[in-house]
Amino acid sequence: YGMGWFRQAPGKEREFVAAISRSGGGT
């Protein structure tokens, strides 16, 4: 799987934080 981190603060929309490719070579 490609993986990612997202975050959501109260009253705000979900926000993209970071992502990484399957191998880890792309971020």
mmCIF file of all heavy atoms, coordinates in Angstrom:
data_MODEL
# 
_entry.id   MODEL 
# 
loop_
_atom_site.group_PDB 
_atom_site.id 
_atom_site.type_symbol 
_atom_site.label_atom_id 
_atom_site.label_alt_id 
_atom_site.label_comp_id 
_atom_site.label_asym_id 
_atom_site.label_entity_id 
_atom_site.label_seq_id 
_atom_site.pdbx_PDB_ins_code 
_atom_site.Cartn_x 
_atom_site.Cartn_y 
_atom_site.Cartn_z 
_atom_site.occupancy 
_atom_site.B_iso_or_equiv 
_atom_site.pdbx_formal_charge 
_atom_site.auth_seq_id 
_atom_site.auth_comp_id 
_atom_site.auth_asym_id 
_atom_site.auth_atom_id 
_atom_site.pdbx_PDB_model_num 
ATOM 1   N N   . TYR A 1 1  ? 0.810   -1.214 0.000  1.00 0.00 ? 1  TYR A N   1 
ATOM 2   C CA  . TYR A 1 1  ? 0.000   0.000  0.000  1.00 0.00 ? 1  TYR A CA  1 
ATOM 3   C C   . TYR A 1 1  ? 0.843   1.263  0.000  1.00 0.00 ? 1  TYR A C   1 
ATOM 4   O O   . TYR A 1 1  ? 1.890   1.342  0.635  1.00 0.00 ? 1  TYR A O   1 
ATOM 5   C CB  . TYR A 1 1  ? -0.893  0.020  1.243  1.00 0.00 ? 1  TYR A CB  1 
ATOM 6   C CG  . TYR A 1 1  ? -1.806  -1.169 1.335  1.00 0.00 ? 1  TYR A CG  1 
ATOM 7   C CD1 . TYR A 1 1  ? -1.434  -2.288 2.066  1.00 0.00 ? 1  TYR A CD1 1 
ATOM 8   C CD2 . TYR A 1 1  ? -3.031  -1.184 0.674  1.00 0.00 ? 1  TYR A CD2 1 
ATOM 9   C CE1 . TYR A 1 1  ? -2.259  -3.398 2.138  1.00 0.00 ? 1  TYR A CE1 1 
ATOM 10  C CE2 . TYR A 1 1  ? -3.861  -2.285 0.755  1.00 0.00 ? 1  TYR A CE2 1 
ATOM 11  C CZ  . TYR A 1 1  ? -3.466  -3.386 1.487  1.00 0.00 ? 1  TYR A CZ  1 
ATOM 12  O OH  . TYR A 1 1  ? -4.292  -4.482 1.546  1.00 0.00 ? 1  TYR A OH  1 
ATOM 13  N N   . GLY A 1 2  ? 0.332   2.260  -0.735 1.00 0.00 ? 2  GLY A N   1 
ATOM 14  C CA  . GLY A 1 2  ? 0.815   3.605  -0.514 1.00 0.00 ? 2  GLY A CA  1 
ATOM 15  C C   . GLY A 1 2  ? 0.177   4.120  0.763  1.00 0.00 ? 2  GLY A C   1 
ATOM 16  O O   . GLY A 1 2  ? -0.982  3.808  1.048  1.00 0.00 ? 2  GLY A O   1 
ATOM 17  N N   . MET A 1 3  ? 0.923   4.884  1.534  1.00 0.00 ? 3  MET A N   1 
ATOM 18  C CA  . MET A 1 3  ? 0.441   5.298  2.845  1.00 0.00 ? 3  MET A CA  1 
ATOM 19  C C   . MET A 1 3  ? 0.449   6.805  2.982  1.00 0.00 ? 3  MET A C   1 
ATOM 20  O O   . MET A 1 3  ? 1.228   7.510  2.318  1.00 0.00 ? 3  MET A O   1 
ATOM 21  C CB  . MET A 1 3  ? 1.314   4.686  3.943  1.00 0.00 ? 3  MET A CB  1 
ATOM 22  C CG  . MET A 1 3  ? 1.356   3.158  3.926  1.00 0.00 ? 3  MET A CG  1 
ATOM 23  S SD  . MET A 1 3  ? -0.253  2.408  4.224  1.00 0.00 ? 3  MET A SD  1 
ATOM 24  C CE  . MET A 1 3  ? -0.516  2.899  5.928  1.00 0.00 ? 3  MET A CE  1 
ATOM 25  N N   . GLY A 1 4  ? -0.422  7.293  3.853  1.00 0.00 ? 4  GLY A N   1 
ATOM 26  C CA  . GLY A 1 4  ? -0.482  8.729  4.078  1.00 0.00 ? 4  GLY A CA  1 
ATOM 27  C C   . GLY A 1 4  ? -0.893  9.057  5.496  1.00 0.00 ? 4  GLY A C   1 
ATOM 28  O O   . GLY A 1 4  ? -1.415  8.207  6.220  1.00 0.00 ? 4  GLY A O   1 
ATOM 29  N N   . TRP A 1 5  ? -0.627  10.285 5.857  1.00 0.00 ? 5  TRP A N   1 
ATOM 30  C CA  . TRP A 1 5  ? -1.089  10.842 7.137  1.00 0.00 ? 5  TRP A CA  1 
ATOM 31  C C   . TRP A 1 5  ? -1.953  12.066 6.841  1.00 0.00 ? 5  TRP A C   1 
ATOM 32  O O   . TRP A 1 5  ? -1.580  12.898 6.004  1.00 0.00 ? 5  TRP A O   1 
ATOM 33  C CB  . TRP A 1 5  ? 0.090   11.259 8.015  1.00 0.00 ? 5  TRP A CB  1 
ATOM 34  C CG  . TRP A 1 5  ? 0.841   10.136 8.638  1.00 0.00 ? 5  TRP A CG  1 
ATOM 35  C CD1 . TRP A 1 5  ? 1.972   9.540  8.157  1.00 0.00 ? 5  TRP A CD1 1 
ATOM 36  C CD2 . TRP A 1 5  ? 0.531   9.468  9.864  1.00 0.00 ? 5  TRP A CD2 1 
ATOM 37  N NE1 . TRP A 1 5  ? 2.388   8.544  9.007  1.00 0.00 ? 5  TRP A NE1 1 
ATOM 38  C CE2 . TRP A 1 5  ? 1.522   8.475  10.075 1.00 0.00 ? 5  TRP A CE2 1 
ATOM 39  C CE3 . TRP A 1 5  ? -0.476  9.599  10.826 1.00 0.00 ? 5  TRP A CE3 1 
ATOM 40  C CZ2 . TRP A 1 5  ? 1.518   7.640  11.188 1.00 0.00 ? 5  TRP A CZ2 1 
ATOM 41  C CZ3 . TRP A 1 5  ? -0.473  8.771  11.923 1.00 0.00 ? 5  TRP A CZ3 1 
ATOM 42  C CH2 . TRP A 1 5  ? 0.521   7.797  12.102 1.00 0.00 ? 5  TRP A CH2 1 
ATOM 43  N N   . PHE A 1 6  ? -3.055  12.130 7.526  1.00 0.00 ? 6  PHE A N   1 
ATOM 44  C CA  . PHE A 1 6  ? -3.964  13.261 7.427  1.00 0.00 ? 6  PHE A CA  1 
ATOM 45  C C   . PHE A 1 6  ? -4.268  13.735 8.847  1.00 0.00 ? 6  PHE A C   1 
ATOM 46  O O   . PHE A 1 6  ? -4.053  13.008 9.811  1.00 0.00 ? 6  PHE A O   1 
ATOM 47  C CB  . PHE A 1 6  ? -5.255  12.863 6.711  1.00 0.00 ? 6  PHE A CB  1 
ATOM 48  C CG  . PHE A 1 6  ? -5.042  12.503 5.269  1.00 0.00 ? 6  PHE A CG  1 
ATOM 49  C CD1 . PHE A 1 6  ? -4.564  11.245 4.913  1.00 0.00 ? 6  PHE A CD1 1 
ATOM 50  C CD2 . PHE A 1 6  ? -5.310  13.421 4.257  1.00 0.00 ? 6  PHE A CD2 1 
ATOM 51  C CE1 . PHE A 1 6  ? -4.354  10.913 3.575  1.00 0.00 ? 6  PHE A CE1 1 
ATOM 52  C CE2 . PHE A 1 6  ? -5.105  13.095 2.926  1.00 0.00 ? 6  PHE A CE2 1 
ATOM 53  C CZ  . PHE A 1 6  ? -4.626  11.844 2.589  1.00 0.00 ? 6  PHE A CZ  1 
ATOM 54  N N   . ARG A 1 7  ? -4.802  14.941 8.959  1.00 0.00 ? 7  ARG A N   1 
ATOM 55  C CA  . ARG A 1 7  ? -5.182  15.429 10.275 1.00 0.00 ? 7  ARG A CA  1 
ATOM 56  C C   . ARG A 1 7  ? -6.468  16.239 10.165 1.00 0.00 ? 7  ARG A C   1 
ATOM 57  O O   . ARG A 1 7  ? -6.784  16.771 9.112  1.00 0.00 ? 7  ARG A O   1 
ATOM 58  C CB  . ARG A 1 7  ? -4.070  16.262 10.894 1.00 0.00 ? 7  ARG A CB  1 
ATOM 59  C CG  . ARG A 1 7  ? -3.794  17.583 10.196 1.00 0.00 ? 7  ARG A CG  1 
ATOM 60  C CD  . ARG A 1 7  ? -2.568  18.245 10.801 1.00 0.00 ? 7  ARG A CD  1 
ATOM 61  N NE  . ARG A 1 7  ? -2.303  19.555 10.197 1.00 0.00 ? 7  ARG A NE  1 
ATOM 62  C CZ  . ARG A 1 7  ? -1.224  20.288 10.459 1.00 0.00 ? 7  ARG A CZ  1 
ATOM 63  N NH1 . ARG A 1 7  ? -0.306  19.838 11.316 1.00 0.00 ? 7  ARG A NH1 1 
ATOM 64  N NH2 . ARG A 1 7  ? -1.063  21.461 9.870  1.00 0.00 ? 7  ARG A NH2 1 
ATOM 65  N N   . GLN A 1 8  ? -7.161  16.297 11.296 1.00 0.00 ? 8  GLN A N   1 
ATOM 66  C CA  . GLN A 1 8  ? -8.396  17.076 11.341 1.00 0.00 ? 8  GLN A CA  1 
ATOM 67  C C   . GLN A 1 8  ? -8.499  17.759 12.688 1.00 0.00 ? 8  GLN A C   1 
ATOM 68  O O   . GLN A 1 8  ? -8.508  17.089 13.731 1.00 0.00 ? 8  GLN A O   1 
ATOM 69  C CB  . GLN A 1 8  ? -9.623  16.200 11.083 1.00 0.00 ? 8  GLN A CB  1 
ATOM 70  C CG  . GLN A 1 8  ? -10.901 16.988 10.905 1.00 0.00 ? 8  GLN A CG  1 
ATOM 71  C CD  . GLN A 1 8  ? -12.012 16.171 10.295 1.00 0.00 ? 8  GLN A CD  1 
ATOM 72  O OE1 . GLN A 1 8  ? -11.980 14.946 10.317 1.00 0.00 ? 8  GLN A OE1 1 
ATOM 73  N NE2 . GLN A 1 8  ? -13.005 16.843 9.726  1.00 0.00 ? 8  GLN A NE2 1 
ATOM 74  N N   . ALA A 1 9  ? -8.566  19.075 12.643 1.00 0.00 ? 9  ALA A N   1 
ATOM 75  C CA  . ALA A 1 9  ? -8.749  19.878 13.850 1.00 0.00 ? 9  ALA A CA  1 
ATOM 76  C C   . ALA A 1 9  ? -10.235 20.158 14.032 1.00 0.00 ? 9  ALA A C   1 
ATOM 77  O O   . ALA A 1 9  ? -11.003 20.127 13.057 1.00 0.00 ? 9  ALA A O   1 
ATOM 78  C CB  . ALA A 1 9  ? -7.962  21.169 13.736 1.00 0.00 ? 9  ALA A CB  1 
ATOM 79  N N   . PRO A 1 10 ? -10.666 20.455 15.249 1.00 0.00 ? 10 PRO A N   1 
ATOM 80  C CA  . PRO A 1 10 ? -12.094 20.736 15.491 1.00 0.00 ? 10 PRO A CA  1 
ATOM 81  C C   . PRO A 1 10 ? -12.599 21.860 14.605 1.00 0.00 ? 10 PRO A C   1 
ATOM 82  O O   . PRO A 1 10 ? -11.969 22.912 14.495 1.00 0.00 ? 10 PRO A O   1 
ATOM 83  C CB  . PRO A 1 10 ? -12.118 21.135 16.970 1.00 0.00 ? 10 PRO A CB  1 
ATOM 84  C CG  . PRO A 1 10 ? -10.933 20.462 17.562 1.00 0.00 ? 10 PRO A CG  1 
ATOM 85  C CD  . PRO A 1 10 ? -9.880  20.479 16.503 1.00 0.00 ? 10 PRO A CD  1 
ATOM 86  N N   . GLY A 1 11 ? -13.720 21.595 13.928 1.00 0.00 ? 11 GLY A N   1 
ATOM 87  C CA  . GLY A 1 11 ? -14.332 22.612 13.094 1.00 0.00 ? 11 GLY A CA  1 
ATOM 88  C C   . GLY A 1 11 ? -13.657 22.824 11.758 1.00 0.00 ? 11 GLY A C   1 
ATOM 89  O O   . GLY A 1 11 ? -14.047 23.723 11.008 1.00 0.00 ? 11 GLY A O   1 
ATOM 90  N N   . LYS A 1 12 ? -12.654 22.000 11.444 1.00 0.00 ? 12 LYS A N   1 
ATOM 91  C CA  . LYS A 1 12 ? -11.934 22.159 10.182 1.00 0.00 ? 12 LYS A CA  1 
ATOM 92  C C   . LYS A 1 12 ? -12.039 20.891 9.342  1.00 0.00 ? 12 LYS A C   1 
ATOM 93  O O   . LYS A 1 12 ? -12.326 19.816 9.856  1.00 0.00 ? 12 LYS A O   1 
ATOM 94  C CB  . LYS A 1 12 ? -10.474 22.501 10.439 1.00 0.00 ? 12 LYS A CB  1 
ATOM 95  C CG  . LYS A 1 12 ? -10.267 23.855 11.095 1.00 0.00 ? 12 LYS A CG  1 
ATOM 96  C CD  . LYS A 1 12 ? -8.794  24.219 11.132 1.00 0.00 ? 12 LYS A CD  1 
ATOM 97  C CE  . LYS A 1 12 ? -8.588  25.605 11.702 1.00 0.00 ? 12 LYS A CE  1 
ATOM 98  N NZ  . LYS A 1 12 ? -7.150  25.985 11.708 1.00 0.00 ? 12 LYS A NZ  1 
ATOM 99  N N   . GLU A 1 13 ? -11.771 21.031 8.062  1.00 0.00 ? 13 GLU A N   1 
ATOM 100 C CA  . GLU A 1 13 ? -11.786 19.873 7.169  1.00 0.00 ? 13 GLU A CA  1 
ATOM 101 C C   . GLU A 1 13 ? -10.508 19.056 7.351  1.00 0.00 ? 13 GLU A C   1 
ATOM 102 O O   . GLU A 1 13 ? -9.495  19.548 7.834  1.00 0.00 ? 13 GLU A O   1 
ATOM 103 C CB  . GLU A 1 13 ? -11.902 20.348 5.715  1.00 0.00 ? 13 GLU A CB  1 
ATOM 104 C CG  . GLU A 1 13 ? -13.237 20.995 5.392  1.00 0.00 ? 13 GLU A CG  1 
ATOM 105 C CD  . GLU A 1 13 ? -13.369 21.295 3.908  1.00 0.00 ? 13 GLU A CD  1 
ATOM 106 O OE1 . GLU A 1 13 ? -12.382 21.111 3.160  1.00 0.00 ? 13 GLU A OE1 1 
ATOM 107 O OE2 . GLU A 1 13 ? -14.461 21.699 3.496  1.00 0.00 ? 13 GLU A OE2 1 
ATOM 108 N N   . ARG A 1 14 ? -10.609 17.795 6.949  1.00 0.00 ? 14 ARG A N   1 
ATOM 109 C CA  . ARG A 1 14 ? -9.441  16.934 6.994  1.00 0.00 ? 14 ARG A CA  1 
ATOM 110 C C   . ARG A 1 14 ? -8.364  17.489 6.072  1.00 0.00 ? 14 ARG A C   1 
ATOM 111 O O   . ARG A 1 14 ? -8.642  17.889 4.942  1.00 0.00 ? 14 ARG A O   1 
ATOM 112 C CB  . ARG A 1 14 ? -9.828  15.513 6.599  1.00 0.00 ? 14 ARG A CB  1 
ATOM 113 C CG  . ARG A 1 14 ? -8.728  14.498 6.773  1.00 0.00 ? 14 ARG A CG  1 
ATOM 114 C CD  . ARG A 1 14 ? -9.254  13.094 6.612  1.00 0.00 ? 14 ARG A CD  1 
ATOM 115 N NE  . ARG A 1 14 ? -10.147 12.737 7.703  1.00 0.00 ? 14 ARG A NE  1 
ATOM 116 C CZ  . ARG A 1 14 ? -10.727 11.547 7.817  1.00 0.00 ? 14 ARG A CZ  1 
ATOM 117 N NH1 . ARG A 1 14 ? -10.520 10.616 6.891  1.00 0.00 ? 14 ARG A NH1 1 
ATOM 118 N NH2 . ARG A 1 14 ? -11.512 11.283 8.827  1.00 0.00 ? 14 ARG A NH2 1 
ATOM 119 N N   . GLU A 1 15 ? -7.135  17.473 6.544  1.00 0.00 ? 15 GLU A N   1 
ATOM 120 C CA  . GLU A 1 15 ? -6.016  18.092 5.829  1.00 0.00 ? 15 GLU A CA  1 
ATOM 121 C C   . GLU A 1 15 ? -4.935  17.069 5.526  1.00 0.00 ? 15 GLU A C   1 
ATOM 122 O O   . GLU A 1 15 ? -4.581  16.258 6.401  1.00 0.00 ? 15 GLU A O   1 
ATOM 123 C CB  . GLU A 1 15 ? -5.426  19.218 6.691  1.00 0.00 ? 15 GLU A CB  1 
ATOM 124 C CG  . GLU A 1 15 ? -4.218  19.906 6.115  1.00 0.00 ? 15 GLU A CG  1 
ATOM 125 C CD  . GLU A 1 15 ? -3.573  20.881 7.089  1.00 0.00 ? 15 GLU A CD  1 
ATOM 126 O OE1 . GLU A 1 15 ? -3.944  20.863 8.287  1.00 0.00 ? 15 GLU A OE1 1 
ATOM 127 O OE2 . GLU A 1 15 ? -2.694  21.652 6.675  1.00 0.00 ? 15 GLU A OE2 1 
ATOM 128 N N   . PHE A 1 16 ? -4.402  17.122 4.341  1.00 0.00 ? 16 PHE A N   1 
ATOM 129 C CA  . PHE A 1 16 ? -3.283  16.262 3.967  1.00 0.00 ? 16 PHE A CA  1 
ATOM 130 C C   . PHE A 1 16 ? -2.030  16.700 4.716  1.00 0.00 ? 16 PHE A C   1 
ATOM 131 O O   . PHE A 1 16 ? -1.688  17.880 4.752  1.00 0.00 ? 16 PHE A O   1 
ATOM 132 C CB  . PHE A 1 16 ? -3.053  16.337 2.463  1.00 0.00 ? 16 PHE A CB  1 
ATOM 133 C CG  . PHE A 1 16 ? -1.757  15.718 2.004  1.00 0.00 ? 16 PHE A CG  1 
ATOM 134 C CD1 . PHE A 1 16 ? -1.594  14.348 2.028  1.00 0.00 ? 16 PHE A CD1 1 
ATOM 135 C CD2 . PHE A 1 16 ? -0.716  16.511 1.571  1.00 0.00 ? 16 PHE A CD2 1 
ATOM 136 C CE1 . PHE A 1 16 ? -0.407  13.761 1.606  1.00 0.00 ? 16 PHE A CE1 1 
ATOM 137 C CE2 . PHE A 1 16 ? 0.476   15.954 1.134  1.00 0.00 ? 16 PHE A CE2 1 
ATOM 138 C CZ  . PHE A 1 16 ? 0.636   14.576 1.160  1.00 0.00 ? 16 PHE A CZ  1 
ATOM 139 N N   . VAL A 1 17 ? -1.320  15.729 5.287  1.00 0.00 ? 17 VAL A N   1 
ATOM 140 C CA  . VAL A 1 17 ? -0.086  16.001 6.010  1.00 0.00 ? 17 VAL A CA  1 
ATOM 141 C C   . VAL A 1 17 ? 1.119   15.475 5.245  1.00 0.00 ? 17 VAL A C   1 
ATOM 142 O O   . VAL A 1 17 ? 2.055   16.210 4.949  1.00 0.00 ? 17 VAL A O   1 
ATOM 143 C CB  . VAL A 1 17 ? -0.124  15.385 7.417  1.00 0.00 ? 17 VAL A CB  1 
ATOM 144 C CG1 . VAL A 1 17 ? 1.214   15.588 8.131  1.00 0.00 ? 17 VAL A CG1 1 
ATOM 145 C CG2 . VAL A 1 17 ? -1.262  15.981 8.239  1.00 0.00 ? 17 VAL A CG2 1 
ATOM 146 N N   . ALA A 1 18 ? 1.106   14.178 4.926  1.00 0.00 ? 18 ALA A N   1 
ATOM 147 C CA  . ALA A 1 18 ? 2.258   13.573 4.263  1.00 0.00 ? 18 ALA A CA  1 
ATOM 148 C C   . ALA A 1 18 ? 1.851   12.257 3.630  1.00 0.00 ? 18 ALA A C   1 
ATOM 149 O O   . ALA A 1 18 ? 0.867   11.641 4.050  1.00 0.00 ? 18 ALA A O   1 
ATOM 150 C CB  . ALA A 1 18 ? 3.397   13.343 5.249  1.00 0.00 ? 18 ALA A CB  1 
ATOM 151 N N   . ALA A 1 19 ? 2.608   11.835 2.626  1.00 0.00 ? 19 ALA A N   1 
ATOM 152 C CA  . ALA A 1 19 ? 2.347   10.558 1.977  1.00 0.00 ? 19 ALA A CA  1 
ATOM 153 C C   . ALA A 1 19 ? 3.659   9.944  1.530  1.00 0.00 ? 19 ALA A C   1 
ATOM 154 O O   . ALA A 1 19 ? 4.658   10.648 1.329  1.00 0.00 ? 19 ALA A O   1 
ATOM 155 C CB  . ALA A 1 19 ? 1.403   10.731 0.795  1.00 0.00 ? 19 ALA A CB  1 
ATOM 156 N N   . ILE A 1 20 ? 3.614   8.625  1.358  1.00 0.00 ? 20 ILE A N   1 
ATOM 157 C CA  . ILE A 1 20 ? 4.818   7.902  0.964  1.00 0.00 ? 20 ILE A CA  1 
ATOM 158 C C   . ILE A 1 20 ? 4.431   6.777  0.018  1.00 0.00 ? 20 ILE A C   1 
ATOM 159 O O   . ILE A 1 20 ? 3.367   6.164  0.151  1.00 0.00 ? 20 ILE A O   1 
ATOM 160 C CB  . ILE A 1 20 ? 5.557   7.371  2.213  1.00 0.00 ? 20 ILE A CB  1 
ATOM 161 C CG1 . ILE A 1 20 ? 6.935   6.822  1.860  1.00 0.00 ? 20 ILE A CG1 1 
ATOM 162 C CG2 . ILE A 1 20 ? 4.723   6.328  2.956  1.00 0.00 ? 20 ILE A CG2 1 
ATOM 163 C CD1 . ILE A 1 20 ? 7.822   6.587  3.082  1.00 0.00 ? 20 ILE A CD1 1 
ATOM 164 N N   . SER A 1 21 ? 5.286   6.506  -0.950 1.00 0.00 ? 21 SER A N   1 
ATOM 165 C CA  . SER A 1 21 ? 5.024   5.454  -1.927 1.00 0.00 ? 21 SER A CA  1 
ATOM 166 C C   . SER A 1 21 ? 5.234   4.083  -1.296 1.00 0.00 ? 21 SER A C   1 
ATOM 167 O O   . SER A 1 21 ? 5.733   3.955  -0.182 1.00 0.00 ? 21 SER A O   1 
ATOM 168 C CB  . SER A 1 21 ? 5.948   5.629  -3.125 1.00 0.00 ? 21 SER A CB  1 
ATOM 169 O OG  . SER A 1 21 ? 7.314   5.471  -2.716 1.00 0.00 ? 21 SER A OG  1 
ATOM 170 N N   . ARG A 1 22 ? 4.884   3.058  -2.035 1.00 0.00 ? 22 ARG A N   1 
ATOM 171 C CA  . ARG A 1 22 ? 5.018   1.694  -1.522 1.00 0.00 ? 22 ARG A CA  1 
ATOM 172 C C   . ARG A 1 22 ? 6.451   1.383  -1.121 1.00 0.00 ? 22 ARG A C   1 
ATOM 173 O O   . ARG A 1 22 ? 6.704   0.767  -0.089 1.00 0.00 ? 22 ARG A O   1 
ATOM 174 C CB  . ARG A 1 22 ? 4.553   0.700  -2.580 1.00 0.00 ? 22 ARG A CB  1 
ATOM 175 C CG  . ARG A 1 22 ? 3.054   0.554  -2.683 1.00 0.00 ? 22 ARG A CG  1 
ATOM 176 C CD  . ARG A 1 22 ? 2.670   -0.454 -3.736 1.00 0.00 ? 22 ARG A CD  1 
ATOM 177 N NE  . ARG A 1 22 ? 3.245   -1.776 -3.495 1.00 0.00 ? 22 ARG A NE  1 
ATOM 178 C CZ  . ARG A 1 22 ? 3.017   -2.835 -4.256 1.00 0.00 ? 22 ARG A CZ  1 
ATOM 179 N NH1 . ARG A 1 22 ? 2.251   -2.703 -5.335 1.00 0.00 ? 22 ARG A NH1 1 
ATOM 180 N NH2 . ARG A 1 22 ? 3.553   -3.989 -3.982 1.00 0.00 ? 22 ARG A NH2 1 
ATOM 181 N N   . SER A 1 23 ? 7.390   1.787  -1.922 1.00 0.00 ? 23 SER A N   1 
ATOM 182 C CA  . SER A 1 23 ? 8.794   1.459  -1.651 1.00 0.00 ? 23 SER A CA  1 
ATOM 183 C C   . SER A 1 23 ? 9.433   2.411  -0.660 1.00 0.00 ? 23 SER A C   1 
ATOM 184 O O   . SER A 1 23 ? 10.482  2.121  -0.094 1.00 0.00 ? 23 SER A O   1 
ATOM 185 C CB  . SER A 1 23 ? 9.582   1.489  -2.953 1.00 0.00 ? 23 SER A CB  1 
ATOM 186 O OG  . SER A 1 23 ? 9.625   2.821  -3.451 1.00 0.00 ? 23 SER A OG  1 
ATOM 187 N N   . GLY A 1 24 ? 8.805   3.570  -0.487 1.00 0.00 ? 24 GLY A N   1 
ATOM 188 C CA  . GLY A 1 24 ? 9.411   4.611  0.354  1.00 0.00 ? 24 GLY A CA  1 
ATOM 189 C C   . GLY A 1 24 ? 10.263  5.587  -0.436 1.00 0.00 ? 24 GLY A C   1 
ATOM 190 O O   . GLY A 1 24 ? 10.763  6.549  0.120  1.00 0.00 ? 24 GLY A O   1 
ATOM 191 N N   . GLY A 1 25 ? 10.391  5.344  -1.744 1.00 0.00 ? 25 GLY A N   1 
ATOM 192 C CA  . GLY A 1 25 ? 11.239  6.199  -2.554 1.00 0.00 ? 25 GLY A CA  1 
ATOM 193 C C   . GLY A 1 25 ? 10.631  7.537  -2.906 1.00 0.00 ? 25 GLY A C   1 
ATOM 194 O O   . GLY A 1 25 ? 11.338  8.464  -3.302 1.00 0.00 ? 25 GLY A O   1 
ATOM 195 N N   . GLY A 1 26 ? 9.327   7.649  -2.787 1.00 0.00 ? 26 GLY A N   1 
ATOM 196 C CA  . GLY A 1 26 ? 8.642   8.899  -3.082 1.00 0.00 ? 26 GLY A CA  1 
ATOM 197 C C   . GLY A 1 26 ? 7.877   9.396  -1.875 1.00 0.00 ? 26 GLY A C   1 
ATOM 198 O O   . GLY A 1 26 ? 7.154   8.617  -1.224 1.00 0.00 ? 26 GLY A O   1 
ATOM 199 N N   . THR A 1 27 ? 8.037   10.673 -1.541 1.00 0.00 ? 27 THR A N   1 
ATOM 200 C CA  . THR A 1 27 ? 7.320   11.254 -0.414 1.00 0.00 ? 27 THR A CA  1 
ATOM 201 C C   . THR A 1 27 ? 6.799   12.634 -0.799 1.00 0.00 ? 27 THR A C   1 
ATOM 202 O O   . THR A 1 27 ? 7.340   13.292 -1.692 1.00 0.00 ? 27 THR A O   1 
ATOM 203 C CB  . THR A 1 27 ? 8.209   11.401 0.839  1.00 0.00 ? 27 THR A CB  1 
ATOM 204 O OG1 . THR A 1 27 ? 9.346   12.215 0.510  1.00 0.00 ? 27 THR A OG1 1 
ATOM 205 C CG2 . THR A 1 27 ? 8.692   10.050 1.337  1.00 0.00 ? 27 THR A CG2 1 
# 
